[in-house]
Amino acid sequence: MMIKATIDAQVAELMLPLVASTNLELVEVTYTKEGSQWYLRVFIDKPGGINIADCQEISGKLEEILDEKDFILQAYILEVSSPGIERSLKKPADYIGGKK
């Protein structure tokens, strides 16, 4: 079984071309188990914030890639969303308000 951190890293790597071709930023990828269910959460952002269309577009494209690569053994729920106002500050640009 693939370890959680490896899944996070692989999904983040798959996301790079998707966000590079847009004005979006990949903030974080998490793969976690809550109760009996696994969740793959992808947090994206852009200047001015994201909207539901941004999330739907990235979700659809990522879902196709994940189905093709098929490296996650467990059933999971894919969620693509904004990190929200409580966003963790992880990169130097997060602290200075510049493009991340």
N, C-alpha and C. Protein backbone atom coordinates (compact mmCIF):
# COMPACT_ATOMS: atom_id res chain seq x y z
N MET A 1 0.84 -1.19 0.00
CA MET A 1 0.00 0.00 0.00
C MET A 1 0.88 1.24 0.00
N MET A 2 0.50 2.22 -0.81
CA MET A 2 1.24 3.46 -0.91
C MET A 2 1.00 4.31 0.33
N ILE A 3 2.06 4.89 0.87
CA ILE A 3 1.87 5.70 2.06
C ILE A 3 1.26 7.06 1.71
N LYS A 4 0.56 7.64 2.68
CA LYS A 4 -0.19 8.87 2.50
C LYS A 4 0.67 10.01 1.93
N ALA A 5 1.85 10.22 2.49
CA ALA A 5 2.71 11.32 2.03
C ALA A 5 3.08 11.15 0.56
N THR A 6 3.27 9.92 0.13
CA THR A 6 3.61 9.67 -1.26
C THR A 6 2.43 10.02 -2.17
N ILE A 7 1.22 9.70 -1.75
CA ILE A 7 0.04 10.04 -2.53
C ILE A 7 -0.11 11.55 -2.62
N ASP A 8 0.06 12.24 -1.50
CA ASP A 8 0.01 13.71 -1.50
C ASP A 8 1.00 14.28 -2.53
N ALA A 9 2.23 13.78 -2.48
CA ALA A 9 3.28 14.28 -3.36
C ALA A 9 3.00 13.96 -4.83
N GLN A 10 2.52 12.75 -5.10
CA GLN A 10 2.24 12.38 -6.49
C GLN A 10 1.10 13.21 -7.07
N VAL A 11 0.06 13.43 -6.27
CA VAL A 11 -1.07 14.24 -6.75
C VAL A 11 -0.61 15.68 -6.96
N ALA A 12 0.20 16.20 -6.05
CA ALA A 12 0.72 17.57 -6.22
C ALA A 12 1.52 17.67 -7.51
N GLU A 13 2.32 16.66 -7.81
CA GLU A 13 3.10 16.66 -9.05
C GLU A 13 2.19 16.64 -10.28
N LEU A 14 1.13 15.84 -10.22
CA LEU A 14 0.17 15.79 -11.33
C LEU A 14 -0.57 17.11 -11.51
N MET A 15 -0.71 17.86 -10.42
CA MET A 15 -1.42 19.13 -10.47
C MET A 15 -0.59 20.25 -11.11
N LEU A 16 0.73 20.15 -11.07
CA LEU A 16 1.58 21.23 -11.56
C LEU A 16 1.27 21.67 -12.98
N PRO A 17 1.14 20.75 -13.95
CA PRO A 17 0.81 21.21 -15.31
C PRO A 17 -0.59 21.84 -15.39
N LEU A 18 -1.52 21.38 -14.57
CA LEU A 18 -2.87 21.93 -14.59
C LEU A 18 -2.89 23.38 -14.13
N VAL A 19 -2.14 23.67 -13.07
CA VAL A 19 -2.15 25.05 -12.57
C VAL A 19 -1.19 25.94 -13.35
N ALA A 20 -0.15 25.35 -13.94
CA ALA A 20 0.81 26.14 -14.71
C ALA A 20 0.16 26.77 -15.94
N SER A 21 -0.84 26.10 -16.50
CA SER A 21 -1.49 26.60 -17.71
C SER A 21 -2.63 27.57 -17.38
N THR A 22 -2.80 27.89 -16.10
CA THR A 22 -3.86 28.80 -15.67
C THR A 22 -3.27 29.87 -14.76
N ASN A 23 -4.13 30.67 -14.21
CA ASN A 23 -3.73 31.69 -13.25
C ASN A 23 -3.86 31.16 -11.82
N LEU A 24 -3.95 29.84 -11.68
CA LEU A 24 -4.20 29.23 -10.38
C LEU A 24 -2.90 28.84 -9.69
N GLU A 25 -2.99 28.74 -8.38
CA GLU A 25 -1.88 28.29 -7.55
C GLU A 25 -2.32 27.04 -6.80
N LEU A 26 -1.47 26.05 -6.76
CA LEU A 26 -1.72 24.87 -5.94
C LEU A 26 -1.24 25.22 -4.54
N VAL A 27 -2.16 25.23 -3.58
CA VAL A 27 -1.84 25.58 -2.21
C VAL A 27 -1.43 24.35 -1.41
N GLU A 28 -2.22 23.29 -1.54
CA GLU A 28 -1.94 22.09 -0.73
C GLU A 28 -2.73 20.91 -1.27
N VAL A 29 -2.19 19.72 -1.06
CA VAL A 29 -2.88 18.46 -1.35
C VAL A 29 -2.83 17.64 -0.07
N THR A 30 -3.99 17.13 0.35
CA THR A 30 -4.01 16.25 1.52
C THR A 30 -4.79 15.00 1.18
N TYR A 31 -4.32 13.89 1.71
CA TYR A 31 -5.00 12.60 1.55
C TYR A 31 -5.19 12.07 2.96
N THR A 32 -6.42 12.08 3.44
CA THR A 32 -6.68 11.73 4.83
C THR A 32 -7.87 10.79 4.97
N LYS A 33 -7.84 10.04 6.04
CA LYS A 33 -8.95 9.15 6.34
C LYS A 33 -9.75 9.76 7.49
N GLU A 34 -11.05 9.86 7.27
CA GLU A 34 -11.96 10.35 8.30
C GLU A 34 -13.04 9.30 8.47
N GLY A 35 -13.05 8.69 9.63
CA GLY A 35 -13.94 7.55 9.84
C GLY A 35 -13.51 6.42 8.94
N SER A 36 -14.43 5.92 8.15
CA SER A 36 -14.09 4.82 7.23
C SER A 36 -13.82 5.33 5.81
N GLN A 37 -13.90 6.63 5.58
CA GLN A 37 -13.80 7.20 4.23
C GLN A 37 -12.47 7.94 4.03
N TRP A 38 -11.85 7.76 2.86
CA TRP A 38 -10.65 8.50 2.47
C TRP A 38 -11.05 9.73 1.66
N TYR A 39 -10.34 10.84 1.89
CA TYR A 39 -10.57 12.09 1.18
C TYR A 39 -9.28 12.58 0.55
N LEU A 40 -9.34 12.89 -0.72
CA LEU A 40 -8.24 13.54 -1.42
C LEU A 40 -8.69 14.98 -1.62
N ARG A 41 -8.05 15.88 -0.90
CA ARG A 41 -8.43 17.30 -0.95
C ARG A 41 -7.32 18.10 -1.62
N VAL A 42 -7.73 18.88 -2.61
CA VAL A 42 -6.82 19.73 -3.35
C VAL A 42 -7.29 21.16 -3.14
N PHE A 43 -6.39 21.99 -2.62
CA PHE A 43 -6.71 23.39 -2.36
C PHE A 43 -6.00 24.27 -3.39
N ILE A 44 -6.79 25.09 -4.07
CA ILE A 44 -6.25 25.98 -5.10
C ILE A 44 -6.64 27.42 -4.77
N ASP A 45 -5.92 28.36 -5.36
CA ASP A 45 -6.22 29.77 -5.14
C ASP A 45 -5.74 30.56 -6.35
N LYS A 46 -6.14 31.82 -6.41
CA LYS A 46 -5.65 32.75 -7.42
C LYS A 46 -5.90 34.15 -6.91
N PRO A 47 -5.21 35.11 -7.47
CA PRO A 47 -5.45 36.49 -7.04
C PRO A 47 -6.93 36.84 -7.21
N GLY A 48 -7.53 37.38 -6.18
CA GLY A 48 -8.95 37.70 -6.22
C GLY A 48 -9.84 36.56 -5.79
N GLY A 49 -9.24 35.37 -5.57
CA GLY A 49 -10.00 34.21 -5.10
C GLY A 49 -10.51 33.35 -6.24
N ILE A 50 -10.89 32.14 -5.90
CA ILE A 50 -11.41 31.20 -6.89
C ILE A 50 -12.92 31.13 -6.80
N ASN A 51 -13.52 30.55 -7.83
CA ASN A 51 -14.98 30.38 -7.82
C ASN A 51 -15.29 28.90 -8.11
N ILE A 52 -16.56 28.59 -8.09
CA ILE A 52 -16.99 27.19 -8.27
C ILE A 52 -16.57 26.66 -9.65
N ALA A 53 -16.57 27.50 -10.66
CA ALA A 53 -16.16 27.06 -12.00
C ALA A 53 -14.69 26.64 -12.02
N ASP A 54 -13.84 27.37 -11.29
CA ASP A 54 -12.42 27.00 -11.19
C ASP A 54 -12.29 25.61 -10.57
N CYS A 55 -13.02 25.40 -9.49
CA CYS A 55 -12.96 24.11 -8.78
C CYS A 55 -13.47 22.97 -9.66
N GLN A 56 -14.58 23.21 -10.36
CA GLN A 56 -15.14 22.18 -11.23
C GLN A 56 -14.19 21.84 -12.37
N GLU A 57 -13.58 22.85 -12.96
CA GLU A 57 -12.67 22.61 -14.08
C GLU A 57 -11.47 21.78 -13.64
N ILE A 58 -10.83 22.17 -12.54
CA ILE A 58 -9.66 21.44 -12.05
C ILE A 58 -10.07 20.03 -11.59
N SER A 59 -11.20 19.92 -10.92
CA SER A 59 -11.67 18.62 -10.45
C SER A 59 -11.87 17.66 -11.62
N GLY A 60 -12.52 18.12 -12.67
CA GLY A 60 -12.75 17.27 -13.84
C GLY A 60 -11.47 16.82 -14.50
N LYS A 61 -10.53 17.76 -14.68
CA LYS A 61 -9.25 17.42 -15.31
C LYS A 61 -8.44 16.47 -14.44
N LEU A 62 -8.39 16.76 -13.13
CA LEU A 62 -7.62 15.92 -12.22
C LEU A 62 -8.23 14.52 -12.13
N GLU A 63 -9.54 14.45 -12.09
CA GLU A 63 -10.21 13.15 -12.02
C GLU A 63 -9.83 12.27 -13.21
N GLU A 64 -9.77 12.85 -14.41
CA GLU A 64 -9.36 12.09 -15.60
C GLU A 64 -7.95 11.56 -15.45
N ILE A 65 -7.05 12.41 -14.97
CA ILE A 65 -5.65 12.01 -14.80
C ILE A 65 -5.53 10.91 -13.75
N LEU A 66 -6.24 11.08 -12.63
CA LEU A 66 -6.17 10.08 -11.57
C LEU A 66 -6.75 8.74 -12.02
N ASP A 67 -7.82 8.79 -12.80
CA ASP A 67 -8.39 7.55 -13.33
C ASP A 67 -7.40 6.85 -14.26
N GLU A 68 -6.70 7.64 -15.05
CA GLU A 68 -5.71 7.07 -15.99
C GLU A 68 -4.52 6.47 -15.23
N LYS A 69 -3.98 7.21 -14.26
CA LYS A 69 -2.79 6.76 -13.52
C LYS A 69 -3.13 5.63 -12.55
N ASP A 70 -4.29 5.70 -11.92
CA ASP A 70 -4.84 4.65 -11.06
C ASP A 70 -3.84 4.12 -10.03
N PHE A 71 -3.22 5.01 -9.26
CA PHE A 71 -2.25 4.59 -8.26
C PHE A 71 -2.77 4.65 -6.83
N ILE A 72 -3.99 5.13 -6.62
CA ILE A 72 -4.57 5.18 -5.28
C ILE A 72 -5.46 3.94 -5.12
N LEU A 73 -5.08 3.06 -4.23
CA LEU A 73 -5.75 1.77 -4.10
C LEU A 73 -7.12 1.87 -3.41
N GLN A 74 -7.24 2.75 -2.43
CA GLN A 74 -8.49 2.88 -1.69
C GLN A 74 -9.50 3.71 -2.49
N ALA A 75 -10.78 3.46 -2.23
CA ALA A 75 -11.82 4.35 -2.75
C ALA A 75 -11.70 5.67 -1.98
N TYR A 76 -11.90 6.79 -2.66
CA TYR A 76 -11.76 8.09 -2.01
C TYR A 76 -12.73 9.09 -2.62
N ILE A 77 -12.92 10.18 -1.91
CA ILE A 77 -13.73 11.30 -2.40
C ILE A 77 -12.77 12.42 -2.76
N LEU A 78 -12.86 12.92 -3.99
CA LEU A 78 -12.03 14.03 -4.45
C LEU A 78 -12.75 15.33 -4.17
N GLU A 79 -12.08 16.24 -3.47
CA GLU A 79 -12.62 17.57 -3.21
C GLU A 79 -11.60 18.60 -3.68
N VAL A 80 -12.05 19.55 -4.49
CA VAL A 80 -11.20 20.66 -4.93
C VAL A 80 -11.86 21.92 -4.42
N SER A 81 -11.10 22.73 -3.67
CA SER A 81 -11.69 23.93 -3.09
C SER A 81 -10.63 24.97 -2.78
N SER A 82 -11.11 26.10 -2.29
CA SER A 82 -10.25 27.19 -1.82
C SER A 82 -9.73 26.83 -0.43
N PRO A 83 -8.53 27.29 -0.09
CA PRO A 83 -8.05 27.05 1.27
C PRO A 83 -8.82 27.87 2.30
N GLY A 84 -9.56 28.87 1.85
CA GLY A 84 -10.38 29.67 2.75
C GLY A 84 -9.58 30.69 3.53
N ILE A 85 -10.28 31.42 4.32
CA ILE A 85 -9.67 32.51 5.09
C ILE A 85 -8.71 32.00 6.14
N GLU A 86 -8.90 30.78 6.58
CA GLU A 86 -8.03 30.19 7.60
C GLU A 86 -6.80 29.50 6.98
N ARG A 87 -6.49 29.87 5.76
CA ARG A 87 -5.38 29.27 5.01
C ARG A 87 -4.09 29.25 5.82
N SER A 88 -3.42 28.11 5.81
CA SER A 88 -2.11 27.99 6.46
C SER A 88 -1.08 28.76 5.65
N LEU A 89 -0.17 29.41 6.34
CA LEU A 89 0.93 30.11 5.67
C LEU A 89 2.11 29.16 5.64
N LYS A 90 2.52 28.79 4.41
CA LYS A 90 3.55 27.76 4.26
C LYS A 90 4.77 28.22 3.47
N LYS A 91 4.56 29.17 2.56
CA LYS A 91 5.65 29.62 1.70
C LYS A 91 5.98 31.07 2.03
N PRO A 92 7.21 31.52 1.78
CA PRO A 92 7.56 32.91 2.08
C PRO A 92 6.59 33.93 1.46
N ALA A 93 6.13 33.68 0.24
CA ALA A 93 5.22 34.61 -0.41
C ALA A 93 3.89 34.73 0.33
N ASP A 94 3.50 33.71 1.08
CA ASP A 94 2.26 33.76 1.85
C ASP A 94 2.31 34.86 2.91
N TYR A 95 3.51 35.13 3.42
CA TYR A 95 3.67 36.11 4.49
C TYR A 95 3.74 37.54 3.98
N ILE A 96 4.11 37.72 2.72
CA ILE A 96 4.26 39.08 2.21
C ILE A 96 3.14 39.49 1.28
N GLY A 97 2.20 38.59 1.06
CA GLY A 97 1.02 38.93 0.26
C GLY A 97 1.26 38.97 -1.23
N GLY A 98 2.40 38.48 -1.67
CA GLY A 98 2.69 38.45 -3.10
C GLY A 98 2.12 37.20 -3.75
N LYS A 99 2.39 37.04 -5.05
CA LYS A 99 1.96 35.82 -5.74
C LYS A 99 2.70 34.66 -5.14
N LYS A 100 1.96 33.62 -4.83
CA LYS A 100 2.55 32.46 -4.16
C LYS A 100 3.10 31.48 -5.15
